[in-house]
Amino acid sequence: MASARDNDLLTRVGPGTPMGELMRRYWIPTAKSTELVAGAAPVRIMLLGEQLIAFRDVDGKVGVMDHRCPHRCASLFFGRNEKGGIRCAYHGWQFDVSGQCVDMANVPPHQDFRHRVKAKAYKAAERCGMVWTYMGPGEAPPLPPIEATMVPVEQVNHNMIQRHCNWLQALEGDIDTSHVDFLHGGLRSAEVYPADDPRRFGAMHRAPEYEVQETPWGAMYGAYRPAQENETYWRIGQFMFPFWTITPSGPFGKHIYARAWVPMDDENTMITGFVKKSGVVGSPGGPPMGLVLGFDDRLPDDSSWFGRYRPRTNPDNDYFVDREMQKEKAYSGIVGITQQDQMATESMGSISDRSLEHLAPSDRMIVVARRRLLAAVRAFEENGEAPPASSPNDAYAGVRGGFFIAPKGPGLSDVYARQIEATKPAE
């Protein structure tokens, strides 16, 4: 059970909070590159409790900055995207993508002091079809070498959807592997799977054993179950600082995947997934994975602070739960993997009261991930210690997850090392 102080340390991400300042030491996936059109209107972005705008100037450069004009604080969301940058509609002051004021249109030339005025702006970069933002001080580290975020843009699928709850309770669903064979597949028998599909062993043995270990990038778990004689079915997943996960939702080495649980503020999260197209795995006996996951079942976007990638399912419609379907066809009565997870994590409340929890052995990965986060945020707050894998960030390189069958006997460290070696990309 977590104390109120620990719960605040883990969950609060606004400016000046320990976790929020820690997260500002990492690059944050912010928007799809296609959302920002050269010369077009800016997009409202909520990130770590800050109201920002993102835009692409007429020369194609991306800016991410506070939405308030530093002149009189009118919103730059209503600004004009002109040659040279965004121009405030109130008095015509213009700012380039770095935030520097480049024109004071309502000030006589002899009184101009543009060189002393700068909007609060953050470093922006693009890779893999995604705009990234660095909100920390000083020089930004390199973009993180997470495998799924480094493939050519034409080879990647981006999945984005909002979750109306705190970032950590949303993330913890990804490192809680035993829920898969209940929430998502509780009525699915082993016969649904082909004989050569290891996932059938999850339907046969719904209560796995676990090994969990701390890693330089965060924490890793291995959930293991009996398979054929003298074999073990493994599902290995990763937590990577500060908000990344890799789930065992596909074959190890073939399903190149990573997901960021980006805090919009304390109570809203933007899920941002990267999947290498060759690694997209279908669902047995069902439609293609994109439809099963439900990322496209969304409300139309609007221009509000929380207007992007909103799910159609929500607490007001009870996630469209079908009680008749729940009896015989779907364990939860809710259609879509994303929607099922959404129900579970949002129904905890916008920020879960962890003092009410009774954690079990199946929650070992969650315990270790929280412990790693608490240790990191305390060391950062008290001693200014650089957070794990922030700079340098090469700890992320080569980290993978997935499921596989291995000979019975070796533990997590050995089977993981062997799978990494066996699936290492050709040089």
Protein backbone atom coordinates (compact mmCIF):
# COMPACT_ATOMS: atom_id res chain seq x y z
CA MET A 1 0.00 0.00 0.00
CA ALA A 2 1.37 3.41 -1.01
CA SER A 3 1.44 6.43 1.28
CA ALA A 4 -0.21 9.70 0.22
CA ARG A 5 3.25 11.25 -0.21
CA ASP A 6 4.43 8.38 -2.42
CA ASN A 7 1.22 8.53 -4.45
CA ASP A 8 1.77 12.24 -5.10
CA LEU A 9 5.41 11.67 -6.05
CA LEU A 10 4.40 8.99 -8.53
CA THR A 11 1.46 10.74 -10.13
CA ARG A 12 1.81 14.54 -10.12
CA VAL A 13 3.53 15.87 -13.24
CA GLY A 14 2.86 19.61 -13.42
CA PRO A 15 5.61 22.26 -13.50
CA GLY A 16 7.62 22.25 -10.28
CA THR A 17 6.55 18.76 -9.17
CA PRO A 18 9.39 16.25 -8.69
CA MET A 19 8.01 13.73 -11.23
CA GLY A 20 7.13 16.48 -13.67
CA GLU A 21 10.65 17.92 -13.52
CA LEU A 22 12.13 14.43 -13.87
CA MET A 23 10.05 13.76 -17.00
CA ARG A 24 11.25 17.04 -18.50
CA ARG A 25 14.72 15.43 -18.77
CA TYR A 26 13.47 13.10 -21.50
CA TRP A 27 12.22 13.57 -25.07
CA ILE A 28 8.43 13.28 -25.20
CA PRO A 29 6.48 12.08 -28.27
CA THR A 30 4.00 14.88 -28.78
CA ALA A 31 2.11 14.75 -32.08
CA LYS A 32 2.15 12.96 -35.40
CA SER A 33 4.17 14.91 -37.95
CA THR A 34 1.12 14.89 -40.23
CA GLU A 35 -0.86 16.90 -37.65
CA LEU A 36 1.32 19.96 -38.34
CA VAL A 37 0.99 21.37 -41.84
CA ALA A 38 3.38 24.05 -43.07
CA GLY A 39 1.74 27.46 -42.82
CA ALA A 40 -1.45 26.05 -41.27
CA ALA A 41 -3.13 26.91 -37.99
CA PRO A 42 -1.38 25.83 -34.77
CA VAL A 43 -2.57 22.82 -32.76
CA ARG A 44 -3.33 22.97 -29.04
CA ILE A 45 -1.16 20.53 -27.05
CA MET A 46 -1.50 19.68 -23.36
CA LEU A 47 1.78 18.28 -22.05
CA LEU A 48 2.87 17.76 -18.43
CA GLY A 49 0.18 20.18 -17.26
CA GLU A 50 1.24 22.95 -19.65
CA GLN A 51 -0.98 24.50 -22.32
CA LEU A 52 1.15 24.67 -25.47
CA ILE A 53 0.76 25.21 -29.18
CA ALA A 54 2.58 23.31 -31.90
CA PHE A 55 2.92 24.59 -35.45
CA ARG A 56 4.97 24.15 -38.61
CA ASP A 57 6.14 27.40 -40.14
CA VAL A 58 5.99 28.05 -43.86
CA ASP A 59 9.58 26.77 -44.20
CA GLY A 60 8.66 23.44 -42.58
CA LYS A 61 10.27 24.01 -39.18
CA VAL A 62 8.34 22.92 -36.09
CA GLY A 63 7.75 25.06 -33.02
CA VAL A 64 6.33 24.00 -29.64
CA MET A 65 5.70 26.85 -27.19
CA ASP A 66 3.51 28.25 -24.45
CA HIS A 67 0.24 29.38 -25.99
CA ARG A 68 0.44 32.77 -24.24
CA CYS A 69 2.00 35.66 -26.10
CA PRO A 70 4.64 37.19 -23.79
CA HIS A 71 3.32 40.66 -24.62
CA ARG A 72 -0.17 40.63 -23.04
CA CYS A 73 -0.80 36.85 -22.74
CA ALA A 74 -3.38 36.56 -25.50
CA SER A 75 -3.37 33.04 -26.91
CA LEU A 76 -1.10 32.38 -29.87
CA PHE A 77 -3.49 29.60 -30.88
CA PHE A 78 -5.39 32.36 -32.66
CA GLY A 79 -2.21 33.67 -34.27
CA ARG A 80 -1.31 33.93 -37.94
CA ASN A 81 1.22 31.40 -39.25
CA GLU A 82 3.24 33.65 -41.52
CA LYS A 83 6.69 33.71 -43.06
CA GLY A 84 9.07 33.91 -40.10
CA GLY A 85 6.79 32.36 -37.47
CA ILE A 86 3.56 32.74 -35.55
CA ARG A 87 2.14 36.27 -35.31
CA CYS A 88 -0.14 37.22 -32.41
CA ALA A 89 -3.51 38.44 -33.66
CA TYR A 90 -3.79 40.98 -30.81
CA HIS A 91 -0.91 43.39 -31.56
CA GLY A 92 1.03 41.69 -34.35
CA TRP A 93 4.09 40.57 -32.41
CA GLN A 94 5.73 37.64 -34.22
CA PHE A 95 7.77 34.74 -32.82
CA ASP A 96 9.91 32.18 -34.62
CA VAL A 97 9.96 28.46 -33.75
CA SER A 98 12.59 29.06 -31.04
CA GLY A 99 10.25 31.57 -29.34
CA GLN A 100 12.36 34.57 -30.26
CA CYS A 101 10.38 37.72 -30.99
CA VAL A 102 11.22 38.75 -34.56
CA ASP A 103 8.77 41.61 -35.06
CA MET A 104 6.98 44.14 -32.84
CA ALA A 105 4.50 45.42 -35.38
CA ASN A 106 2.81 47.95 -33.09
CA VAL A 107 6.05 49.47 -31.71
CA PRO A 108 7.90 52.32 -33.50
CA PRO A 109 11.33 51.20 -34.73
CA HIS A 110 13.25 53.47 -32.31
CA GLN A 111 11.40 51.86 -29.35
CA ASP A 112 11.66 48.26 -30.55
CA PHE A 113 13.16 45.78 -28.07
CA ARG A 114 12.37 42.48 -29.80
CA HIS A 115 15.81 41.06 -29.05
CA ARG A 116 14.93 41.04 -25.32
CA VAL A 117 11.58 39.21 -25.68
CA LYS A 118 11.21 35.48 -26.05
CA ALA A 119 8.16 33.26 -25.75
CA LYS A 120 8.54 30.17 -23.60
CA ALA A 121 9.45 27.60 -26.24
CA TYR A 122 10.77 24.05 -26.13
CA LYS A 123 13.15 22.11 -28.32
CA ALA A 124 11.37 20.11 -31.01
CA ALA A 125 12.59 17.34 -33.29
CA GLU A 126 11.06 14.87 -35.72
CA ARG A 127 11.76 11.19 -36.18
CA CYS A 128 9.74 8.21 -37.35
CA GLY A 129 6.81 10.43 -38.32
CA MET A 130 6.50 11.89 -34.81
CA VAL A 131 7.17 15.34 -33.37
CA TRP A 132 9.14 15.08 -30.12
CA THR A 133 9.53 17.76 -27.45
CA TYR A 134 12.28 18.28 -24.88
CA MET A 135 11.02 20.43 -22.01
CA GLY A 136 14.09 20.32 -19.79
CA PRO A 137 16.93 22.77 -19.19
CA GLY A 138 20.23 22.86 -20.99
CA GLU A 139 21.26 20.76 -23.94
CA ALA A 140 18.81 18.05 -24.96
CA PRO A 141 20.05 14.44 -24.99
CA PRO A 142 19.85 12.44 -28.22
CA LEU A 143 16.44 11.06 -29.12
CA PRO A 144 15.98 7.73 -27.31
CA PRO A 145 17.28 4.68 -29.24
CA ILE A 146 14.08 2.69 -28.65
CA GLU A 147 13.95 0.24 -31.56
CA ALA A 148 10.32 0.79 -32.62
CA THR A 149 10.83 4.57 -32.79
CA MET A 150 13.83 4.32 -35.11
CA VAL A 151 12.38 2.52 -38.11
CA PRO A 152 11.68 4.44 -41.34
CA VAL A 153 8.36 6.27 -41.20
CA GLU A 154 6.90 4.23 -44.04
CA GLN A 155 7.43 1.07 -41.97
CA VAL A 156 5.67 2.20 -38.78
CA ASN A 157 2.10 2.41 -37.54
CA HIS A 158 1.37 5.09 -34.95
CA ASN A 159 -1.45 4.43 -32.50
CA MET A 160 -2.69 7.36 -30.41
CA ILE A 161 -5.66 7.53 -28.05
CA GLN A 162 -6.48 9.47 -24.89
CA ARG A 163 -7.08 7.89 -21.51
CA HIS A 164 -8.96 9.88 -18.86
CA CYS A 165 -6.89 8.87 -15.86
CA ASN A 166 -3.43 9.35 -14.41
CA TRP A 167 -0.51 8.27 -16.56
CA LEU A 168 0.88 5.68 -14.13
CA GLN A 169 -2.28 3.68 -13.53
CA ALA A 170 -2.80 3.67 -17.30
CA LEU A 171 0.78 2.49 -17.88
CA GLU A 172 0.54 -0.24 -15.23
CA GLY A 173 -2.01 -2.07 -17.36
CA ASP A 174 0.78 -2.72 -19.85
CA ILE A 175 3.05 -4.36 -17.25
CA ASP A 176 0.28 -6.49 -15.73
CA THR A 177 0.39 -9.51 -18.01
CA SER A 178 -1.95 -11.86 -16.15
CA HIS A 179 -4.98 -9.65 -16.91
CA VAL A 180 -4.68 -10.56 -20.60
CA ASP A 181 -6.21 -14.01 -20.18
CA PHE A 182 -9.08 -12.59 -18.16
CA LEU A 183 -10.06 -9.10 -19.32
CA HIS A 184 -9.19 -9.73 -22.99
CA GLY A 185 -9.51 -13.49 -23.32
CA GLY A 186 -11.27 -14.90 -20.29
CA LEU A 187 -13.72 -16.92 -22.40
CA ARG A 188 -11.16 -17.91 -25.01
CA SER A 189 -10.18 -21.57 -24.95
CA ALA A 190 -6.88 -23.02 -26.10
CA GLU A 191 -8.67 -24.48 -29.14
CA VAL A 192 -9.07 -20.98 -30.61
CA TYR A 193 -5.34 -20.86 -31.30
CA PRO A 194 -3.45 -22.82 -33.96
CA ALA A 195 -1.47 -25.75 -32.60
CA ASP A 196 1.81 -23.89 -33.19
CA ASP A 197 0.70 -20.67 -31.44
CA PRO A 198 2.32 -20.40 -27.98
CA ARG A 199 -0.50 -18.16 -26.74
CA ARG A 200 -2.70 -21.22 -26.30
CA PHE A 201 -0.70 -22.01 -23.17
CA GLY A 202 -1.93 -18.75 -21.64
CA ALA A 203 -5.51 -19.96 -22.06
CA MET A 204 -4.53 -23.29 -20.50
CA HIS A 205 -2.63 -21.78 -17.54
CA ARG A 206 -4.15 -18.42 -16.57
CA ALA A 207 -2.07 -17.93 -13.41
CA PRO A 208 1.60 -17.61 -14.45
CA GLU A 209 4.69 -17.58 -12.28
CA TYR A 210 6.87 -14.46 -12.44
CA GLU A 211 10.45 -13.33 -12.42
CA VAL A 212 11.10 -9.58 -12.21
CA GLN A 213 14.40 -7.73 -12.22
CA GLU A 214 15.60 -4.17 -12.22
CA THR A 215 17.41 -3.03 -15.35
CA PRO A 216 19.44 0.01 -16.42
CA TRP A 217 16.42 1.18 -18.44
CA GLY A 218 13.79 0.43 -15.76
CA ALA A 219 12.46 -3.04 -15.03
CA MET A 220 11.76 -6.29 -16.86
CA TYR A 221 9.39 -9.14 -16.11
CA GLY A 222 9.11 -12.68 -17.37
CA ALA A 223 5.80 -14.48 -16.86
CA TYR A 224 6.22 -18.20 -17.45
CA ARG A 225 3.90 -21.17 -17.77
CA PRO A 226 4.23 -24.85 -18.63
CA ALA A 227 4.20 -25.63 -22.34
CA GLN A 228 4.97 -28.98 -23.96
CA GLU A 229 7.08 -31.48 -22.05
CA ASN A 230 10.39 -29.93 -20.94
CA GLU A 231 9.37 -26.55 -22.38
CA THR A 232 8.26 -23.23 -20.91
CA TYR A 233 6.06 -20.53 -22.42
CA TRP A 234 7.57 -17.11 -21.64
CA ARG A 235 6.08 -13.63 -21.94
CA ILE A 236 8.70 -10.91 -21.39
CA GLY A 237 7.75 -7.25 -21.02
CA GLN A 238 9.57 -4.02 -20.23
CA PHE A 239 9.12 -0.78 -18.33
CA MET A 240 11.49 1.91 -19.59
CA PHE A 241 11.96 5.31 -17.95
CA PRO A 242 10.09 7.49 -17.67
CA PHE A 243 6.82 6.26 -19.26
CA TRP A 244 7.61 3.65 -21.92
CA THR A 245 6.49 0.03 -22.12
CA ILE A 246 7.09 -2.95 -24.38
CA THR A 247 4.45 -5.64 -24.01
CA PRO A 248 4.69 -9.32 -24.99
CA SER A 249 1.80 -8.95 -27.43
CA GLY A 250 3.69 -10.57 -30.32
CA PRO A 251 6.49 -13.05 -31.05
CA PHE A 252 9.81 -11.99 -29.56
CA GLY A 253 12.00 -10.39 -32.23
CA LYS A 254 9.20 -10.08 -34.78
CA HIS A 255 6.84 -7.73 -32.95
CA ILE A 256 8.85 -4.50 -32.80
CA TYR A 257 6.76 -2.31 -30.56
CA ALA A 258 6.88 0.39 -27.90
CA ARG A 259 4.31 2.57 -26.23
CA ALA A 260 4.62 5.89 -24.39
CA TRP A 261 2.10 6.83 -21.70
CA VAL A 262 2.50 10.58 -22.02
CA PRO A 263 0.98 12.64 -19.19
CA MET A 264 -1.14 15.46 -20.55
CA ASP A 265 -1.76 16.51 -16.96
CA ASP A 266 -2.33 14.66 -13.68
CA GLU A 267 -5.63 13.17 -14.84
CA ASN A 268 -5.29 12.69 -18.61
CA THR A 269 -2.88 10.58 -20.63
CA MET A 270 -2.04 10.37 -24.33
CA ILE A 271 -1.16 6.82 -25.31
CA THR A 272 1.35 6.93 -28.14
CA GLY A 273 2.32 3.62 -29.74
CA PHE A 274 4.91 2.72 -32.38
CA VAL A 275 4.55 -0.63 -34.19
CA LYS A 276 6.80 -1.75 -37.00
CA LYS A 277 4.40 -2.82 -39.74
CA SER A 278 6.01 -6.17 -40.33
CA GLY A 279 5.48 -6.92 -36.64
CA VAL A 280 1.72 -6.29 -36.45
CA VAL A 281 0.11 -9.44 -35.11
CA GLY A 282 -3.51 -10.40 -35.70
CA SER A 283 -5.90 -11.83 -33.16
CA PRO A 284 -6.85 -15.51 -33.48
CA GLY A 285 -10.33 -16.01 -34.85
CA GLY A 286 -10.92 -12.27 -35.24
CA PRO A 287 -10.39 -9.20 -37.40
CA PRO A 288 -7.03 -7.48 -38.03
CA MET A 289 -5.21 -6.11 -35.01
CA GLY A 290 -5.95 -2.45 -35.79
CA LEU A 291 -9.67 -3.08 -35.53
CA VAL A 292 -9.34 -5.35 -32.50
CA LEU A 293 -7.30 -2.76 -30.61
CA GLY A 294 -9.89 -0.06 -31.21
CA PHE A 295 -7.58 2.92 -31.73
CA ASP A 296 -9.76 4.13 -34.61
CA ASP A 297 -13.02 4.11 -32.61
CA ARG A 298 -12.78 7.80 -31.77
CA LEU A 299 -14.81 10.94 -31.55
CA PRO A 300 -14.06 13.60 -34.18
CA ASP A 301 -11.11 15.75 -33.19
CA ASP A 302 -11.72 19.32 -32.17
CA SER A 303 -9.42 22.24 -31.29
CA SER A 304 -9.82 22.12 -27.49
CA TRP A 305 -6.99 21.27 -25.12
CA PHE A 306 -8.21 17.67 -24.85
CA GLY A 307 -9.74 17.49 -28.32
CA ARG A 308 -7.33 15.07 -30.04
CA TYR A 309 -7.67 11.27 -30.18
CA ARG A 310 -10.63 10.98 -27.83
CA PRO A 311 -12.18 7.51 -27.55
CA ARG A 312 -15.87 7.14 -28.33
CA THR A 313 -16.24 4.85 -25.31
CA ASN A 314 -16.33 6.62 -21.97
CA PRO A 315 -17.81 6.40 -18.46
CA ASP A 316 -20.97 8.21 -19.57
CA ASN A 317 -21.90 5.35 -21.91
CA ASP A 318 -20.42 2.64 -19.63
CA TYR A 319 -17.98 1.78 -22.42
CA PHE A 320 -20.94 0.24 -24.29
CA VAL A 321 -20.82 -2.82 -22.05
CA ASP A 322 -23.14 -5.57 -23.30
CA ARG A 323 -24.21 -7.80 -20.42
CA GLU A 324 -25.63 -10.49 -22.69
CA MET A 325 -22.40 -10.65 -24.67
CA GLN A 326 -20.52 -10.80 -21.36
CA LYS A 327 -22.25 -14.05 -20.46
CA GLU A 328 -21.10 -16.05 -23.46
CA LYS A 329 -18.93 -14.16 -25.94
CA ALA A 330 -16.67 -11.61 -24.23
CA TYR A 331 -15.39 -11.83 -20.66
CA SER A 332 -15.83 -8.10 -20.05
CA GLY A 333 -18.80 -7.50 -22.34
CA ILE A 334 -16.82 -4.64 -23.91
CA VAL A 335 -15.61 -4.71 -27.51
CA GLY A 336 -11.97 -3.82 -28.21
CA ILE A 337 -8.73 -4.39 -26.32
CA THR A 338 -8.13 -0.67 -25.89
CA GLN A 339 -11.66 -0.10 -24.63
CA GLN A 340 -11.38 -3.00 -22.17
CA ASP A 341 -8.16 -1.57 -20.74
CA GLN A 342 -9.73 1.89 -20.73
CA MET A 343 -12.63 0.66 -18.59
CA ALA A 344 -10.31 -1.04 -16.10
CA THR A 345 -7.94 1.86 -15.56
CA GLU A 346 -10.44 4.73 -15.75
CA SER A 347 -12.86 2.99 -13.38
CA MET A 348 -10.16 3.27 -10.68
CA GLY A 349 -10.80 7.03 -10.65
CA SER A 350 -8.83 9.81 -12.29
CA ILE A 351 -6.01 9.19 -9.78
CA SER A 352 -6.18 5.82 -8.07
CA ASP A 353 -5.96 5.71 -4.27
CA ARG A 354 -3.20 3.12 -3.93
CA SER A 355 -3.67 2.93 -0.17
CA LEU A 356 -6.73 0.77 -0.89
CA GLU A 357 -4.80 -1.83 -2.90
CA HIS A 358 -3.97 -5.38 -1.81
CA LEU A 359 -1.19 -6.36 -4.19
CA ALA A 360 -0.56 -10.02 -5.03
CA PRO A 361 2.45 -12.00 -6.32
CA SER A 362 1.10 -11.35 -9.85
CA ASP A 363 1.78 -7.63 -9.25
CA ARG A 364 5.52 -7.98 -8.71
CA MET A 365 6.38 -6.04 -11.86
CA ILE A 366 4.14 -3.16 -10.78
CA VAL A 367 5.82 -3.11 -7.36
CA VAL A 368 9.31 -3.03 -8.86
CA ALA A 369 8.44 -0.36 -11.44
CA ARG A 370 6.95 1.88 -8.74
CA ARG A 371 10.00 1.32 -6.55
CA ARG A 372 12.30 2.29 -9.42
CA LEU A 373 10.28 5.44 -10.12
CA LEU A 374 10.19 6.45 -6.45
CA ALA A 375 13.91 5.91 -6.03
CA ALA A 376 14.66 7.91 -9.17
CA VAL A 377 12.39 10.83 -8.32
CA ARG A 378 13.71 11.03 -4.75
CA ALA A 379 17.34 10.97 -5.92
CA PHE A 380 16.51 13.63 -8.51
CA GLU A 381 14.61 15.81 -6.01
CA GLU A 382 17.08 15.51 -3.14
CA ASN A 383 20.45 15.25 -4.88
CA GLY A 384 19.87 16.39 -8.46
CA GLU A 385 20.86 12.93 -9.65
CA ALA A 386 20.22 12.39 -13.37
CA PRO A 387 17.27 10.02 -13.91
CA PRO A 388 18.00 6.55 -15.34
CA ALA A 389 18.57 6.44 -19.11
CA SER A 390 18.07 10.20 -19.46
CA SER A 391 21.58 11.17 -20.54
CA PRO A 392 23.32 9.24 -21.89
CA ASN A 393 20.32 7.20 -22.98
CA ASP A 394 21.99 4.24 -24.69
CA ALA A 395 20.48 1.90 -22.08
CA TYR A 396 17.40 1.69 -24.33
CA ALA A 397 19.32 0.23 -27.26
CA GLY A 398 18.28 -3.29 -28.22
CA VAL A 399 15.61 -3.70 -25.53
CA ARG A 400 12.82 -6.03 -26.66
CA GLY A 401 9.80 -7.92 -25.42
CA GLY A 402 7.56 -10.69 -26.68
CA PHE A 403 6.47 -14.29 -26.21
CA PHE A 404 8.32 -17.49 -27.06
CA ILE A 405 8.86 -21.13 -26.10
CA ALA A 406 12.16 -22.05 -24.42
CA PRO A 407 13.63 -25.22 -22.94
CA LYS A 408 12.58 -25.72 -19.35
CA GLY A 409 15.12 -24.69 -16.72
CA PRO A 410 16.89 -21.38 -17.38
CA GLY A 411 15.66 -18.27 -15.58
CA LEU A 412 14.72 -14.85 -16.87
CA SER A 413 18.21 -13.43 -17.38
CA ASP A 414 19.38 -16.42 -19.38
CA VAL A 415 16.31 -16.84 -21.57
CA TYR A 416 16.18 -13.12 -22.30
CA ALA A 417 19.85 -13.00 -23.29
CA ARG A 418 19.39 -16.04 -25.54
CA GLN A 419 16.34 -14.55 -27.25
CA ILE A 420 18.14 -11.25 -27.80
CA GLU A 421 21.05 -13.11 -29.37
CA ALA A 422 18.77 -15.28 -31.49
CA THR A 423 16.78 -12.32 -32.84
CA LYS A 424 19.62 -9.83 -33.18
CA PRO A 425 19.30 -7.85 -36.44
CA ALA A 426 21.80 -8.81 -39.10
CA GLU A 427 24.72 -6.40 -39.31
